[in-house]
PDB file of N, CA and C in Angstrom:
ATOM      1  N   UNK A   1       9.381  11.309 -11.976  1.00  0.00           N
ATOM      2  CA  UNK A   1       8.144  11.989 -11.641  1.00  0.00           C
ATOM      3  C   UNK A   1       7.314  11.824 -10.390  1.00  0.00           C
ATOM      4  N   UNK A   2       6.551  10.710 -10.890  1.00  0.00           N
ATOM      5  CA  UNK A   2       5.925  10.290  -9.936  1.00  0.00           C
ATOM      6  C   UNK A   2       6.670  10.373  -8.227  1.00  0.00           C
ATOM      7  N   UNK A   3       7.701  10.138  -8.016  1.00  0.00           N
ATOM      8  CA  UNK A   3       7.997   9.764  -6.545  1.00  0.00           C
ATOM      9  C   UNK A   3       8.292  11.364  -6.573  1.00  0.00           C
ATOM     10  N   UNK A   4       8.651  12.228  -6.764  1.00  0.00           N
ATOM     11  CA  UNK A   4       8.695  13.217  -6.647  1.00  0.00           C
ATOM     12  C   UNK A   4       7.207  13.900  -6.094  1.00  0.00           C
ATOM     13  N   UNK A   5       6.367  13.989  -7.225  1.00  0.00           N
ATOM     14  CA  UNK A   5       5.080  14.292  -7.003  1.00  0.00           C
ATOM     15  C   UNK A   5       4.530  13.968  -5.738  1.00  0.00           C
ATOM     16  N   UNK A   6       4.793  12.826  -5.579  1.00  0.00           N
ATOM     17  CA  UNK A   6       4.256  12.041  -4.046  1.00  0.00           C
ATOM     18  C   UNK A   6       5.090  12.325  -3.248  1.00  0.00           C
ATOM     19  N   UNK A   7       6.161  12.697  -3.169  1.00  0.00           N
ATOM     20  CA  UNK A   7       6.960  13.473  -1.530  1.00  0.00           C
ATOM     21  C   UNK A   7       7.876  11.277  -1.347  1.00  0.00           C
ATOM     22  N   UNK A   8       8.111  10.776  -2.488  1.00  0.00           N
ATOM     23  CA  UNK A   8       8.520   9.323  -2.351  1.00  0.00           C
ATOM     24  C   UNK A   8      10.130   9.537  -2.507  1.00  0.00           C
ATOM     25  N   UNK A   9      10.884   9.053  -1.240  1.00  0.00           N
ATOM     26  CA  UNK A   9      12.397   9.006  -1.158  1.00  0.00           C
ATOM     27  C   UNK A   9      12.884   8.460  -2.645  1.00  0.00           C
ATOM     28  N   UNK A  10      13.815   8.924  -3.096  1.00  0.00           N
ATOM     29  CA  UNK A  10      14.349   8.066  -4.303  1.00  0.00           C
ATOM     30  C   UNK A  10      14.836   6.927  -3.960  1.00  0.00           C
ATOM     31  N   UNK A  11      14.913   6.308  -2.935  1.00  0.00           N
ATOM     32  CA  UNK A  11      15.615   5.113  -2.211  1.00  0.00           C
ATOM     33  C   UNK A  11      14.716   4.242  -1.812  1.00  0.00           C
ATOM     34  N   UNK A  12      13.586   5.039  -1.601  1.00  0.00           N
ATOM     35  CA  UNK A  12      12.447   4.360  -0.860  1.00  0.00           C
ATOM     36  C   UNK A  12      11.726   2.859  -1.812  1.00  0.00           C
ATOM     37  N   UNK A  13      11.572   1.482  -1.268  1.00  0.00           N
ATOM     38  CA  UNK A  13      10.741   0.523  -1.967  1.00  0.00           C
ATOM     39  C   UNK A  13       9.485   1.017  -1.944  1.00  0.00           C
ATOM     40  N   UNK A  14       8.953   0.781  -3.412  1.00  0.00           N
ATOM     41  CA  UNK A  14       7.646   1.607  -3.679  1.00  0.00           C
ATOM     42  C   UNK A  14       7.044   0.084  -4.213  1.00  0.00           C
ATOM     43  N   UNK A  15       5.969  -0.182  -3.302  1.00  0.00           N
ATOM     44  CA  UNK A  15       4.790  -1.187  -3.839  1.00  0.00           C
ATOM     45  C   UNK A  15       3.636  -0.782  -4.190  1.00  0.00           C
ATOM     46  N   UNK A  16       3.321  -1.108  -5.371  1.00  0.00           N
ATOM     47  CA  UNK A  16       1.681  -0.637  -6.273  1.00  0.00           C
ATOM     48  C   UNK A  16       0.600  -1.769  -5.703  1.00  0.00           C
ATOM     49  N   UNK A  17      -0.119  -1.494  -4.727  1.00  0.00           N
ATOM     50  CA  UNK A  17      -1.483  -2.353  -4.668  1.00  0.00           C
ATOM     51  C   UNK A  17      -2.681  -1.960  -5.447  1.00  0.00           C
ATOM     52  N   UNK A  18      -3.077  -3.223  -5.939  1.00  0.00           N
ATOM     53  CA  UNK A  18      -4.393  -2.705  -6.821  1.00  0.00           C
ATOM     54  C   UNK A  18      -5.458  -3.475  -6.272  1.00  0.00           C
ATOM     55  N   UNK A  19      -6.145  -3.107  -5.086  1.00  0.00           N
ATOM     56  CA  UNK A  19      -7.182  -3.849  -4.401  1.00  0.00           C
ATOM     57  C   UNK A  19      -8.416  -4.027  -4.853  1.00  0.00           C
ATOM     58  N   UNK A  20      -8.968  -3.111  -6.044  1.00  0.00           N
ATOM     59  CA  UNK A  20     -10.264  -3.421  -6.362  1.00  0.00           C
ATOM     60  C   UNK A  20     -10.913  -2.418  -7.040  1.00  0.00           C
ATOM     61  N   UNK A  21     -11.793  -2.289  -7.423  1.00  0.00           N
ATOM     62  CA  UNK A  21     -12.500  -0.844  -7.672  1.00  0.00           C
ATOM     63  C   UNK A  21     -14.102  -0.821  -7.639  1.00  0.00           C
ATOM     64  N   UNK A  22     -14.585  -1.715  -6.815  1.00  0.00           N
ATOM     65  CA  UNK A  22     -15.747  -2.079  -6.377  1.00  0.00           C
ATOM     66  C   UNK A  22     -15.814  -1.653  -4.821  1.00  0.00           C
ATOM     67  N   UNK A  23     -16.513  -1.207  -4.513  1.00  0.00           N
ATOM     68  CA  UNK A  23     -16.664  -0.703  -2.876  1.00  0.00           C
ATOM     69  C   UNK A  23     -16.647  -2.260  -2.085  1.00  0.00           C
ATOM     70  N   UNK A  24     -17.591  -3.713  -2.375  1.00  0.00           N
ATOM     71  CA  UNK A  24     -17.555  -4.656  -1.946  1.00  0.00           C
ATOM     72  C   UNK A  24     -16.398  -5.130  -1.701  1.00  0.00           C
ATOM     73  N   UNK A  25     -15.641  -5.139  -3.364  1.00  0.00           N
ATOM     74  CA  UNK A  25     -14.438  -5.739  -2.980  1.00  0.00           C
ATOM     75  C   UNK A  25     -13.476  -5.321  -1.836  1.00  0.00           C
ATOM     76  N   UNK A  26     -13.155  -3.876  -2.343  1.00  0.00           N
ATOM     77  CA  UNK A  26     -12.762  -3.818  -1.016  1.00  0.00           C
ATOM     78  C   UNK A  26     -12.826  -3.793   0.357  1.00  0.00           C
ATOM     79  N   UNK A  27     -13.977  -3.547   0.574  1.00  0.00           N
ATOM     80  CA  UNK A  27     -14.523  -4.067   1.956  1.00  0.00           C
ATOM     81  C   UNK A  27     -14.405  -5.200   2.570  1.00  0.00           C
ATOM     82  N   UNK A  28     -14.635  -6.238   1.339  1.00  0.00           N
ATOM     83  CA  UNK A  28     -14.322  -7.530   1.408  1.00  0.00           C
ATOM     84  C   UNK A  28     -12.907  -8.160   1.586  1.00  0.00           C
ATOM     85  N   UNK A  29     -11.979  -7.593   0.813  1.00  0.00           N
ATOM     86  CA  UNK A  29     -10.407  -7.751   0.749  1.00  0.00           C
ATOM     87  C   UNK A  29      -9.506  -7.032   0.919  1.00  0.00           C
ATOM     88  N   UNK A  30      -9.940  -5.582   1.441  1.00  0.00           N
ATOM     89  CA  UNK A  30      -8.908  -4.712   1.816  1.00  0.00           C
ATOM     90  C   UNK A  30      -7.800  -5.095   2.714  1.00  0.00           C
ATOM     91  N   UNK A  31      -8.490  -5.397   3.555  1.00  0.00           N
ATOM     92  CA  UNK A  31      -7.540  -5.277   5.070  1.00  0.00           C
ATOM     93  C   UNK A  31      -6.516  -6.570   4.967  1.00  0.00           C
ATOM     94  N   UNK A  32      -7.164  -7.783   4.052  1.00  0.00           N
ATOM     95  CA  UNK A  32      -5.933  -8.697   3.449  1.00  0.00           C
ATOM     96  C   UNK A  32      -4.956  -8.576   2.377  1.00  0.00           C
ATOM     97  N   UNK A  33      -5.592  -7.512   1.839  1.00  0.00           N
ATOM     98  CA  UNK A  33      -4.842  -6.813   0.762  1.00  0.00           C
ATOM     99  C   UNK A  33      -3.358  -6.385   1.586  1.00  0.00           C
ATOM    100  N   UNK A  34      -3.961  -5.126   2.498  1.00  0.00           N
ATOM    101  CA  UNK A  34      -2.814  -4.779   3.187  1.00  0.00           C
ATOM    102  C   UNK A  34      -1.696  -5.745   4.426  1.00  0.00           C
ATOM    103  N   UNK A  35      -2.600  -6.604   4.817  1.00  0.00           N
ATOM    104  CA  UNK A  35      -1.664  -7.793   5.539  1.00  0.00           C
ATOM    105  C   UNK A  35      -0.964  -8.470   4.634  1.00  0.00           C
ATOM    106  N   UNK A  36      -1.269  -9.041   3.305  1.00  0.00           N
ATOM    107  CA  UNK A  36      -0.228  -9.934   2.519  1.00  0.00           C
ATOM    108  C   UNK A  36       1.301  -8.726   2.323  1.00  0.00           C
ATOM    109  N   UNK A  37       0.341  -7.417   1.806  1.00  0.00           N
ATOM    110  CA  UNK A  37       1.628  -6.369   1.463  1.00  0.00           C
ATOM    111  C   UNK A  37       2.522  -6.188   2.475  1.00  0.00           C
ATOM    112  N   UNK A  38       2.123  -6.263   4.202  1.00  0.00           N
ATOM    113  CA  UNK A  38       2.952  -6.167   5.067  1.00  0.00           C
ATOM    114  C   UNK A  38       3.694  -7.780   5.036  1.00  0.00           C
ATOM    115  N   UNK A  39       3.062  -8.733   5.219  1.00  0.00           N
ATOM    116  CA  UNK A  39       4.283  -9.879   5.017  1.00  0.00           C
ATOM    117  C   UNK A  39       4.955  -9.894   3.605  1.00  0.00           C
ATOM    118  N   UNK A  40       4.872  -9.435   2.745  1.00  0.00           N
ATOM    119  CA  UNK A  40       5.525  -9.319   2.058  1.00  0.00           C
ATOM    120  C   UNK A  40       7.139  -8.658   1.839  1.00  0.00           C
ATOM    121  N   UNK A  41       6.681  -7.517   1.967  1.00  0.00           N
ATOM    122  CA  UNK A  41       7.593  -6.290   2.544  1.00  0.00           C
ATOM    123  C   UNK A  41       8.839  -6.365   3.595  1.00  0.00           C
ATOM    124  N   UNK A  42       8.182  -7.424   4.435  1.00  0.00           N
ATOM    125  CA  UNK A  42       8.851  -7.890   5.437  1.00  0.00           C
ATOM    126  C   UNK A  42      10.097  -8.705   4.749  1.00  0.00           C
ATOM    127  N   UNK A  43       9.884  -9.279   3.630  1.00  0.00           N
ATOM    128  CA  UNK A  43      10.762 -10.235   3.405  1.00  0.00           C
ATOM    129  C   UNK A  43      11.458  -9.979   1.896  1.00  0.00           C
ATOM    130  N   UNK A  44      11.171  -8.595   1.135  1.00  0.00           N
ATOM    131  CA  UNK A  44      12.121  -8.217  -0.031  1.00  0.00           C
ATOM    132  C   UNK A  44      13.277  -7.930   0.419  1.00  0.00           C
ATOM    133  N   UNK A  45      14.259  -8.839  -0.449  1.00  0.00           N
ATOM    134  CA  UNK A  45      15.671  -8.466  -0.658  1.00  0.00           C
ATOM    135  C   UNK A  45      15.835  -8.540  -1.955  1.00  0.00           C
ATOM    136  N   UNK A  46      16.448  -6.961  -2.254  1.00  0.00           N
ATOM    137  CA  UNK A  46      16.791  -6.493  -3.853  1.00  0.00           C
ATOM    138  C   UNK A  46      18.115  -6.033  -3.938  1.00  0.00           C
ATOM    139  N   UNK A  47      18.514  -7.238  -4.762  1.00  0.00           N
ATOM    140  CA  UNK A  47      20.369  -6.939  -5.192  1.00  0.00           C
ATOM    141  C   UNK A  47      20.712  -6.847  -3.299  1.00  0.00           C
ATOM    142  N   UNK A  48      20.509  -7.898  -2.885  1.00  0.00           N
ATOM    143  CA  UNK A  48      21.201  -8.104  -1.329  1.00  0.00           C
ATOM    144  C   UNK A  48      21.007  -6.968  -0.704  1.00  0.00           C
ATOM    145  N   UNK A  49      19.562  -5.947  -0.843  1.00  0.00           N
ATOM    146  CA  UNK A  49      19.634  -5.378   0.316  1.00  0.00           C
ATOM    147  C   UNK A  49      18.131  -5.848   0.640  1.00  0.00           C
ATOM    148  N   UNK A  50      17.826  -5.967   2.047  1.00  0.00           N
ATOM    149  CA  UNK A  50      16.471  -6.397   2.916  1.00  0.00           C
ATOM    150  C   UNK A  50      16.086  -5.272   3.229  1.00  0.00           C
ATOM    151  N   UNK A  51      14.921  -5.222   2.724  1.00  0.00           N
ATOM    152  CA  UNK A  51      13.749  -4.129   3.148  1.00  0.00           C
ATOM    153  C   UNK A  51      12.815  -4.365   4.341  1.00  0.00           C
ATOM    154  N   UNK A  52      12.922  -3.686   5.265  1.00  0.00           N
ATOM    155  CA  UNK A  52      11.807  -4.147   6.370  1.00  0.00           C
ATOM    156  C   UNK A  52      10.820  -3.106   6.249  1.00  0.00           C
ATOM    157  N   UNK A  53      10.629  -1.911   5.386  1.00  0.00           N
ATOM    158  CA  UNK A  53       9.620  -1.192   4.990  1.00  0.00           C
ATOM    159  C   UNK A  53       9.205  -0.920   3.460  1.00  0.00           C
ATOM    160  N   UNK A  54       8.367  -0.178   3.312  1.00  0.00           N
ATOM    161  CA  UNK A  54       8.145   0.370   1.975  1.00  0.00           C
ATOM    162  C   UNK A  54       7.016   1.314   1.977  1.00  0.00           C
ATOM    163  N   UNK A  55       6.566   2.305   0.625  1.00  0.00           N
ATOM    164  CA  UNK A  55       5.784   3.105   0.454  1.00  0.00           C
ATOM    165  C   UNK A  55       4.976   2.096  -0.586  1.00  0.00           C
ATOM    166  N   UNK A  56       3.682   2.294   0.249  1.00  0.00           N
ATOM    167  CA  UNK A  56       2.541   1.763  -0.446  1.00  0.00           C
ATOM    168  C   UNK A  56       1.836   2.117  -1.615  1.00  0.00           C
ATOM    169  N   UNK A  57       1.596   2.691  -2.639  1.00  0.00           N
ATOM    170  CA  UNK A  57       0.827   3.154  -3.552  1.00  0.00           C
ATOM    171  C   UNK A  57      -0.388   2.459  -3.924  1.00  0.00           C
ATOM    172  N   UNK A  58      -1.659   3.167  -3.322  1.00  0.00           N
ATOM    173  CA  UNK A  58      -2.700   2.596  -3.562  1.00  0.00           C
ATOM    174  C   UNK A  58      -3.625   3.334  -4.316  1.00  0.00           C
ATOM    175  N   UNK A  59      -3.712   3.343  -5.989  1.00  0.00           N
ATOM    176  CA  UNK A  59      -4.561   4.031  -6.455  1.00  0.00           C
ATOM    177  C   UNK A  59      -6.298   3.816  -6.154  1.00  0.00           C
ATOM    178  N   UNK A  60      -6.746   5.045  -6.171  1.00  0.00           N
ATOM    179  CA  UNK A  60      -8.139   5.031  -5.743  1.00  0.00           C
ATOM    180  C   UNK A  60      -9.104   5.300  -6.581  1.00  0.00           C
ATOM    181  N   UNK A  61     -10.342   4.265  -7.381  1.00  0.00           N
ATOM    182  CA  UNK A  61     -10.863   4.946  -8.194  1.00  0.00           C
ATOM    183  C   UNK A  61     -12.044   5.958  -7.831  1.00  0.00           C
ATOM    184  N   UNK A  62     -12.104   6.417  -6.440  1.00  0.00           N
ATOM    185  CA  UNK A  62     -12.965   7.344  -6.063  1.00  0.00           C
ATOM    186  C   UNK A  62     -12.869   7.552  -4.489  1.00  0.00           C
ATOM    187  N   UNK A  63     -13.706   8.666  -3.940  1.00  0.00           N
ATOM    188  CA  UNK A  63     -13.467   9.272  -2.726  1.00  0.00           C
ATOM    189  C   UNK A  63     -13.881   7.971  -1.621  1.00  0.00           C
ATOM    190  N   UNK A  64     -14.990   7.176  -2.086  1.00  0.00           N
ATOM    191  CA  UNK A  64     -15.684   6.254  -0.985  1.00  0.00           C
ATOM    192  C   UNK A  64     -14.711   5.170  -0.894  1.00  0.00           C
ATOM    193  N   UNK A  65     -13.735   4.654  -1.954  1.00  0.00           N
ATOM    194  CA  UNK A  65     -12.955   3.585  -1.480  1.00  0.00           C
ATOM    195  C   UNK A  65     -11.543   3.890  -1.068  1.00  0.00           C
ATOM    196  N   UNK A  66     -10.964   5.475  -1.268  1.00  0.00           N
ATOM    197  CA  UNK A  66     -10.513   6.015  -0.527  1.00  0.00           C
ATOM    198  C   UNK A  66     -10.225   5.953   0.831  1.00  0.00           C
ATOM    199  N   UNK A  67     -11.301   6.497   1.381  1.00  0.00           N
ATOM    200  CA  UNK A  67     -11.551   7.132   2.889  1.00  0.00           C
ATOM    201  C   UNK A  67     -11.732   4.888   3.516  1.00  0.00           C
ATOM    202  N   UNK A  68     -12.264   4.071   2.691  1.00  0.00           N
ATOM    203  CA  UNK A  68     -12.101   3.284   3.295  1.00  0.00           C
ATOM    204  C   UNK A  68     -11.423   2.318   3.139  1.00  0.00           C
ATOM    205  N   UNK A  69      -9.918   2.674   2.552  1.00  0.00           N
ATOM    206  CA  UNK A  69      -8.778   2.143   2.484  1.00  0.00           C
ATOM    207  C   UNK A  69      -7.974   2.760   3.387  1.00  0.00           C
ATOM    208  N   UNK A  70      -8.027   4.172   3.527  1.00  0.00           N
ATOM    209  CA  UNK A  70      -7.412   5.045   4.942  1.00  0.00           C
ATOM    210  C   UNK A  70      -7.755   4.501   6.210  1.00  0.00           C
ATOM    211  N   UNK A  71      -8.954   4.311   6.294  1.00  0.00           N
ATOM    212  CA  UNK A  71      -9.621   3.706   7.734  1.00  0.00           C
ATOM    213  C   UNK A  71      -8.696   2.380   7.590  1.00  0.00           C
ATOM    214  N   UNK A  72      -9.153   1.164   6.961  1.00  0.00           N
ATOM    215  CA  UNK A  72      -8.136   0.205   6.825  1.00  0.00           C
ATOM    216  C   UNK A  72      -6.770   0.181   7.573  1.00  0.00           C
ATOM    217  N   UNK A  73      -5.859   0.957   6.536  1.00  0.00           N
ATOM    218  CA  UNK A  73      -4.676   1.450   7.167  1.00  0.00           C
ATOM    219  C   UNK A  73      -4.373   1.981   8.547  1.00  0.00           C
ATOM    220  N   UNK A  74      -5.063   2.873   9.011  1.00  0.00           N
ATOM    221  CA  UNK A  74      -4.943   3.391  10.021  1.00  0.00           C
ATOM    222  C   UNK A  74      -5.212   2.298  11.029  1.00  0.00           C
ATOM    223  N   UNK A  75      -6.272   1.382  11.227  1.00  0.00           N
ATOM    224  CA  UNK A  75      -6.423   0.609  11.959  1.00  0.00           C
ATOM    225  C   UNK A  75      -5.595  -0.171  12.173  1.00  0.00           C
ATOM    226  N   UNK A  76      -4.373  -0.133  11.279  1.00  0.00           N
ATOM    227  CA  UNK A  76      -3.474  -1.553  11.018  1.00  0.00           C
ATOM    228  C   UNK A  76      -1.940  -0.766  11.579  1.00  0.00           C
ATOM    229  N   UNK A  77      -2.588   0.501  12.254  1.00  0.00           N
ATOM    230  CA  UNK A  77      -1.100   1.397  12.320  1.00  0.00           C
ATOM    231  C   UNK A  77       0.093   1.619  11.617  1.00  0.00           C
ATOM    232  N   UNK A  78      -0.493   1.553  10.421  1.00  0.00           N
ATOM    233  CA  UNK A  78       0.480   1.906   9.188  1.00  0.00           C
ATOM    234  C   UNK A  78       0.714   3.844   9.309  1.00  0.00           C
ATOM    235  N   UNK A  79       1.915   4.042   8.612  1.00  0.00           N
ATOM    236  CA  UNK A  79       2.184   5.709   8.450  1.00  0.00           C
ATOM    237  C   UNK A  79       2.750   5.501   7.215  1.00  0.00           C
TER     238      UNK A  79
END
């Protein structure tokens, strides 16, 4: 049901990313988390299927963190 609610295709690889709940943590480590996720996804092999992309699901505790993470993702040209 979550996939449908979020508009995620049934066959998409979904990666949950938990960068922290404090603004200072996300400022310091947010870009590093996104970079690590990009590198990990580039190497994911599930049941013989190699994934070159994924849907990152990033829960945010508040609007400030959501806004900061949106900015970080935008700077990396991710969609």
